[in-house]
PDB file of N, CA and C in Angstrom:
ATOM      1  N   MET A   1      13.004  38.481  -5.357  1.00  0.00           N
ATOM      2  CA  MET A   1      14.430  37.704  -5.136  1.00  0.00           C
ATOM      3  C   MET A   1      14.268  36.968  -3.548  1.00  0.00           C
ATOM      4  N   GLY A   2      13.134  36.587  -3.047  1.00  0.00           N
ATOM      5  CA  GLY A   2      13.353  35.949  -2.064  1.00  0.00           C
ATOM      6  C   GLY A   2      13.443  34.414  -1.853  1.00  0.00           C
ATOM      7  N   ARG A   3      14.336  34.126  -2.835  1.00  0.00           N
ATOM      8  CA  ARG A   3      14.728  32.658  -3.104  1.00  0.00           C
ATOM      9  C   ARG A   3      15.556  32.109  -2.045  1.00  0.00           C
ATOM     10  N   GLY A   4      16.370  32.991  -1.462  1.00  0.00           N
ATOM     11  CA  GLY A   4      17.376  32.566  -0.238  1.00  0.00           C
ATOM     12  C   GLY A   4      16.601  31.839   0.730  1.00  0.00           C
ATOM     13  N   ARG A   5      15.515  32.499   1.310  1.00  0.00           N
ATOM     14  CA  ARG A   5      14.689  32.085   2.582  1.00  0.00           C
ATOM     15  C   ARG A   5      14.084  30.662   2.201  1.00  0.00           C
ATOM     16  N   ALA A   6      13.597  30.638   1.081  1.00  0.00           N
ATOM     17  CA  ALA A   6      12.902  29.350   0.541  1.00  0.00           C
ATOM     18  C   ALA A   6      13.544  28.385   0.429  1.00  0.00           C
ATOM     19  N   LYS A   7      14.800  28.584  -0.208  1.00  0.00           N
ATOM     20  CA  LYS A   7      15.836  27.546  -0.354  1.00  0.00           C
ATOM     21  C   LYS A   7      16.554  26.907   0.924  1.00  0.00           C
ATOM     22  N   ALA A   8      16.535  27.909   1.979  1.00  0.00           N
ATOM     23  CA  ALA A   8      17.030  27.550   3.287  1.00  0.00           C
ATOM     24  C   ALA A   8      16.081  26.649   4.084  1.00  0.00           C
ATOM     25  N   LYS A   9      14.807  27.011   3.566  1.00  0.00           N
ATOM     26  CA  LYS A   9      13.568  26.135   4.445  1.00  0.00           C
ATOM     27  C   LYS A   9      13.574  24.664   3.508  1.00  0.00           C
ATOM     28  N   GLN A  10      13.681  24.701   2.486  1.00  0.00           N
ATOM     29  CA  GLN A  10      13.945  23.387   1.743  1.00  0.00           C
ATOM     30  C   GLN A  10      15.000  22.563   2.047  1.00  0.00           C
ATOM     31  N   THR A  11      16.107  23.085   2.370  1.00  0.00           N
ATOM     32  CA  THR A  11      17.275  22.555   2.758  1.00  0.00           C
ATOM     33  C   THR A  11      17.255  21.802   4.335  1.00  0.00           C
ATOM     34  N   LYS A  12      16.575  22.600   5.135  1.00  0.00           N
ATOM     35  CA  LYS A  12      16.163  22.295   6.283  1.00  0.00           C
ATOM     36  C   LYS A  12      15.409  21.082   6.352  1.00  0.00           C
ATOM     37  N   VAL A  13      14.180  21.151   5.495  1.00  0.00           N
ATOM     38  CA  VAL A  13      13.164  20.016   5.579  1.00  0.00           C
ATOM     39  C   VAL A  13      13.828  18.928   4.933  1.00  0.00           C
ATOM     40  N   ALA A  14      14.742  19.183   3.992  1.00  0.00           N
ATOM     41  CA  ALA A  14      15.445  18.036   3.561  1.00  0.00           C
ATOM     42  C   ALA A  14      16.553  17.224   4.396  1.00  0.00           C
ATOM     43  N   ARG A  15      17.046  18.144   5.127  1.00  0.00           N
ATOM     44  CA  ARG A  15      18.113  17.362   6.258  1.00  0.00           C
ATOM     45  C   ARG A  15      17.498  16.900   7.223  1.00  0.00           C
ATOM     46  N   GLU A  16      16.238  17.495   7.752  1.00  0.00           N
ATOM     47  CA  GLU A  16      15.276  16.443   8.564  1.00  0.00           C
ATOM     48  C   GLU A  16      14.704  15.293   8.269  1.00  0.00           C
ATOM     49  N   LEU A  17      14.239  15.202   6.828  1.00  0.00           N
ATOM     50  CA  LEU A  17      13.810  14.002   6.392  1.00  0.00           C
ATOM     51  C   LEU A  17      14.968  12.937   6.020  1.00  0.00           C
ATOM     52  N   LYS A  18      16.206  13.491   5.983  1.00  0.00           N
ATOM     53  CA  LYS A  18      17.275  12.375   5.619  1.00  0.00           C
ATOM     54  C   LYS A  18      17.702  11.764   7.060  1.00  0.00           C
ATOM     55  N   TYR A  19      17.650  12.534   8.111  1.00  0.00           N
ATOM     56  CA  TYR A  19      18.432  12.154   9.397  1.00  0.00           C
ATOM     57  C   TYR A  19      17.240  11.511  10.331  1.00  0.00           C
ATOM     58  N   PHE A  20      15.927  11.742   9.937  1.00  0.00           N
ATOM     59  CA  PHE A  20      14.870  11.133  10.875  1.00  0.00           C
ATOM     60  C   PHE A  20      14.700   9.946  10.731  1.00  0.00           C
ATOM     61  N   SER A  21      14.848   9.119  11.837  1.00  0.00           N
ATOM     62  CA  SER A  21      14.462   7.659  12.036  1.00  0.00           C
ATOM     63  C   SER A  21      13.248   7.251  12.782  1.00  0.00           C
ATOM     64  N   PRO A  22      12.073   7.327  12.006  1.00  0.00           N
ATOM     65  CA  PRO A  22      11.116   6.919  12.909  1.00  0.00           C
ATOM     66  C   PRO A  22      10.953   5.400  13.440  1.00  0.00           C
ATOM     67  N   ASP A  23      10.063   5.283  14.801  1.00  0.00           N
ATOM     68  CA  ASP A  23      10.000   3.927  15.198  1.00  0.00           C
ATOM     69  C   ASP A  23       9.230   3.106  14.166  1.00  0.00           C
ATOM     70  N   THR A  24       9.945   1.779  13.823  1.00  0.00           N
ATOM     71  CA  THR A  24       9.386   0.925  13.097  1.00  0.00           C
ATOM     72  C   THR A  24       8.772  -0.233  13.468  1.00  0.00           C
ATOM     73  N   ASP A  25       7.564  -0.504  13.222  1.00  0.00           N
ATOM     74  CA  ASP A  25       7.062  -1.818  13.785  1.00  0.00           C
ATOM     75  C   ASP A  25       7.234  -3.025  12.760  1.00  0.00           C
ATOM     76  N   LEU A  26       8.322  -3.714  13.410  1.00  0.00           N
ATOM     77  CA  LEU A  26       8.844  -4.670  12.449  1.00  0.00           C
ATOM     78  C   LEU A  26       8.095  -5.777  12.530  1.00  0.00           C
ATOM     79  N   THR A  27       7.204  -5.950  13.571  1.00  0.00           N
ATOM     80  CA  THR A  27       6.326  -7.123  13.378  1.00  0.00           C
ATOM     81  C   THR A  27       5.090  -7.152  12.248  1.00  0.00           C
ATOM     82  N   ALA A  28       4.625  -5.824  12.272  1.00  0.00           N
ATOM     83  CA  ALA A  28       3.489  -5.483  11.358  1.00  0.00           C
ATOM     84  C   ALA A  28       4.211  -5.512   9.829  1.00  0.00           C
ATOM     85  N   LEU A  29       5.552  -5.242   9.603  1.00  0.00           N
ATOM     86  CA  LEU A  29       6.303  -5.297   8.489  1.00  0.00           C
ATOM     87  C   LEU A  29       6.231  -6.646   8.039  1.00  0.00           C
ATOM     88  N   GLU A  30       6.797  -7.336   8.968  1.00  0.00           N
ATOM     89  CA  GLU A  30       6.934  -9.069   8.689  1.00  0.00           C
ATOM     90  C   GLU A  30       5.451  -9.538   8.340  1.00  0.00           C
ATOM     91  N   ARG A  31       4.422  -9.261   9.050  1.00  0.00           N
ATOM     92  CA  ARG A  31       3.117  -9.612   8.752  1.00  0.00           C
ATOM     93  C   ARG A  31       2.829  -9.195   7.054  1.00  0.00           C
ATOM     94  N   GLU A  32       3.149  -8.095   6.879  1.00  0.00           N
ATOM     95  CA  GLU A  32       2.851  -7.513   5.661  1.00  0.00           C
ATOM     96  C   GLU A  32       3.484  -8.230   4.459  1.00  0.00           C
ATOM     97  N   LEU A  33       4.868  -8.606   4.816  1.00  0.00           N
ATOM     98  CA  LEU A  33       5.678  -9.147   3.878  1.00  0.00           C
ATOM     99  C   LEU A  33       5.283 -10.435   3.575  1.00  0.00           C
ATOM    100  N   HIS A  34       4.655 -11.310   4.638  1.00  0.00           N
ATOM    101  CA  HIS A  34       4.724 -12.722   4.640  1.00  0.00           C
ATOM    102  C   HIS A  34       3.256 -13.195   4.314  1.00  0.00           C
ATOM    103  N   GLY A  35       2.488 -11.915   4.442  1.00  0.00           N
ATOM    104  CA  GLY A  35       0.943 -12.507   4.419  1.00  0.00           C
ATOM    105  C   GLY A  35       0.201 -12.853   5.353  1.00  0.00           C
ATOM    106  N   SER A  36      -0.880 -13.160   5.555  1.00  0.00           N
ATOM    107  CA  SER A  36      -1.664 -13.592   6.770  1.00  0.00           C
ATOM    108  C   SER A  36      -1.344 -15.273   6.831  1.00  0.00           C
ATOM    109  N   SER A  37      -1.241 -15.401   8.137  1.00  0.00           N
ATOM    110  CA  SER A  37      -0.838 -16.733   8.377  1.00  0.00           C
ATOM    111  C   SER A  37      -2.075 -17.580   8.983  1.00  0.00           C
ATOM    112  N   SER A  38      -2.969 -16.916   9.419  1.00  0.00           N
ATOM    113  CA  SER A  38      -3.999 -17.637   9.798  1.00  0.00           C
ATOM    114  C   SER A  38      -5.062 -17.827   8.941  1.00  0.00           C
ATOM    115  N   PRO A  39      -5.739 -19.115   9.109  1.00  0.00           N
ATOM    116  CA  PRO A  39      -6.804 -19.533   7.911  1.00  0.00           C
ATOM    117  C   PRO A  39      -8.025 -18.618   7.978  1.00  0.00           C
ATOM    118  N   ARG A  40      -8.419 -18.173   9.007  1.00  0.00           N
ATOM    119  CA  ARG A  40      -9.439 -17.415   9.369  1.00  0.00           C
ATOM    120  C   ARG A  40      -9.355 -16.107   8.455  1.00  0.00           C
ATOM    121  N   GLU A  41      -7.993 -15.247   8.593  1.00  0.00           N
ATOM    122  CA  GLU A  41      -7.907 -14.268   7.667  1.00  0.00           C
ATOM    123  C   GLU A  41      -8.047 -14.226   6.319  1.00  0.00           C
ATOM    124  N   ARG A  42      -7.273 -15.646   5.955  1.00  0.00           N
ATOM    125  CA  ARG A  42      -7.615 -15.855   4.446  1.00  0.00           C
ATOM    126  C   ARG A  42      -8.963 -16.044   3.981  1.00  0.00           C
ATOM    127  N   GLU A  43      -9.883 -16.732   4.829  1.00  0.00           N
ATOM    128  CA  GLU A  43     -11.294 -17.037   4.749  1.00  0.00           C
ATOM    129  C   GLU A  43     -12.295 -15.654   4.466  1.00  0.00           C
ATOM    130  N   SER A  44     -11.767 -14.707   5.363  1.00  0.00           N
ATOM    131  CA  SER A  44     -12.553 -13.521   5.482  1.00  0.00           C
ATOM    132  C   SER A  44     -12.256 -12.591   4.333  1.00  0.00           C
ATOM    133  N   ALA A  45     -10.898 -12.833   3.760  1.00  0.00           N
ATOM    134  CA  ALA A  45     -10.716 -11.914   2.494  1.00  0.00           C
ATOM    135  C   ALA A  45     -11.452 -12.273   1.177  1.00  0.00           C
ATOM    136  N   PRO A  46     -11.987 -11.340   0.524  1.00  0.00           N
ATOM    137  CA  PRO A  46     -12.901 -11.683  -0.485  1.00  0.00           C
ATOM    138  C   PRO A  46     -12.040 -12.242  -1.864  1.00  0.00           C
ATOM    139  N   ASP A  47     -12.539 -13.072  -2.415  1.00  0.00           N
ATOM    140  CA  ASP A  47     -11.662 -13.443  -3.591  1.00  0.00           C
ATOM    141  C   ASP A  47     -12.100 -12.342  -4.926  1.00  0.00           C
ATOM    142  N   SER A  48     -11.354 -11.500  -4.989  1.00  0.00           N
ATOM    143  CA  SER A  48     -11.748 -10.342  -6.100  1.00  0.00           C
ATOM    144  C   SER A  48     -11.445 -11.108  -7.259  1.00  0.00           C
ATOM    145  N   ARG A  49     -10.736 -12.089  -7.573  1.00  0.00           N
ATOM    146  CA  ARG A  49     -10.695 -12.265  -8.971  1.00  0.00           C
ATOM    147  C   ARG A  49     -11.946 -12.920  -9.680  1.00  0.00           C
ATOM    148  N   GLU A  50     -12.501 -13.888  -8.915  1.00  0.00           N
ATOM    149  CA  GLU A  50     -13.854 -14.175  -9.243  1.00  0.00           C
ATOM    150  C   GLU A  50     -14.880 -13.043  -9.584  1.00  0.00           C
ATOM    151  N   ASP A  51     -14.921 -12.087  -8.589  1.00  0.00           N
ATOM    152  CA  ASP A  51     -15.789 -10.903  -9.005  1.00  0.00           C
ATOM    153  C   ASP A  51     -15.509 -10.104 -10.339  1.00  0.00           C
ATOM    154  N   ASP A  52     -14.085 -10.116 -10.511  1.00  0.00           N
ATOM    155  CA  ASP A  52     -13.926  -9.323 -11.561  1.00  0.00           C
ATOM    156  C   ASP A  52     -14.193  -9.965 -13.092  1.00  0.00           C
ATOM    157  N   TYR A  53     -14.392 -11.139 -13.059  1.00  0.00           N
ATOM    158  CA  TYR A  53     -14.568 -12.051 -14.328  1.00  0.00           C
ATOM    159  C   TYR A  53     -15.896 -12.422 -14.321  1.00  0.00           C
ATOM    160  N   ASP A  54     -16.867 -12.290 -13.397  1.00  0.00           N
ATOM    161  CA  ASP A  54     -18.185 -12.985 -13.463  1.00  0.00           C
ATOM    162  C   ASP A  54     -18.850 -12.314 -14.686  1.00  0.00           C
ATOM    163  N   ASP A  55     -18.866 -10.787 -14.874  1.00  0.00           N
ATOM    164  CA  ASP A  55     -19.647 -10.326 -16.204  1.00  0.00           C
ATOM    165  C   ASP A  55     -19.063 -10.807 -17.520  1.00  0.00           C
ATOM    166  N   TYR A  56     -17.669 -10.817 -17.477  1.00  0.00           N
ATOM    167  CA  TYR A  56     -17.118 -11.426 -18.882  1.00  0.00           C
ATOM    168  C   TYR A  56     -17.449 -12.866 -19.158  1.00  0.00           C
ATOM    169  N   ASP A  57     -17.547 -13.759 -18.131  1.00  0.00           N
ATOM    170  CA  ASP A  57     -17.839 -15.111 -18.247  1.00  0.00           C
ATOM    171  C   ASP A  57     -19.572 -15.146 -18.820  1.00  0.00           C
ATOM    172  N   LYS A  58     -20.286 -14.407 -18.188  1.00  0.00           N
ATOM    173  CA  LYS A  58     -21.629 -14.419 -18.920  1.00  0.00           C
ATOM    174  C   LYS A  58     -21.702 -13.883 -20.050  1.00  0.00           C
ATOM    175  N   TRP A  59     -20.736 -12.851 -20.581  1.00  0.00           N
ATOM    176  CA  TRP A  59     -20.692 -12.382 -22.051  1.00  0.00           C
ATOM    177  C   TRP A  59     -20.457 -13.500 -22.806  1.00  0.00           C
ATOM    178  N   ALA A  60     -19.187 -14.134 -22.465  1.00  0.00           N
ATOM    179  CA  ALA A  60     -18.429 -14.970 -23.394  1.00  0.00           C
ATOM    180  C   ALA A  60     -19.267 -16.193 -23.484  1.00  0.00           C
ATOM    181  N   SER A  61     -20.112 -16.714 -22.585  1.00  0.00           N
ATOM    182  CA  SER A  61     -20.963 -17.879 -22.540  1.00  0.00           C
ATOM    183  C   SER A  61     -22.263 -17.903 -23.579  1.00  0.00           C
ATOM    184  N   GLY A  62     -22.636 -16.477 -23.595  1.00  0.00           N
ATOM    185  CA  GLY A  62     -23.877 -16.174 -23.983  1.00  0.00           C
ATOM    186  C   GLY A  62     -24.758 -15.987 -23.188  1.00  0.00           C
ATOM    187  N   ASP A  63     -24.702 -16.172 -22.113  1.00  0.00           N
ATOM    188  CA  ASP A  63     -25.792 -16.157 -21.049  1.00  0.00           C
ATOM    189  C   ASP A  63     -26.085 -14.502 -20.709  1.00  0.00           C
ATOM    190  N   ARG A  64     -26.753 -14.141 -21.097  1.00  0.00           N
ATOM    191  CA  ARG A  64     -26.770 -12.249 -20.775  1.00  0.00           C
ATOM    192  C   ARG A  64     -28.438 -12.371 -19.848  1.00  0.00           C
TER     193      ARG A  64
END
């Protein structure tokens, strides 16, 4: 019958999460939402779309 203590702890944790406001890095959020703005960052990111379809292109063209 120890449900009272567990429920009290859950209520305490829920209340802490509800009213907790961590420091938000708005510049990091803005960068994430808008994507990279510098051309160097875009060039260093691999184009995964090409890699994903390379095997399929070989199979579809008959070059195995």
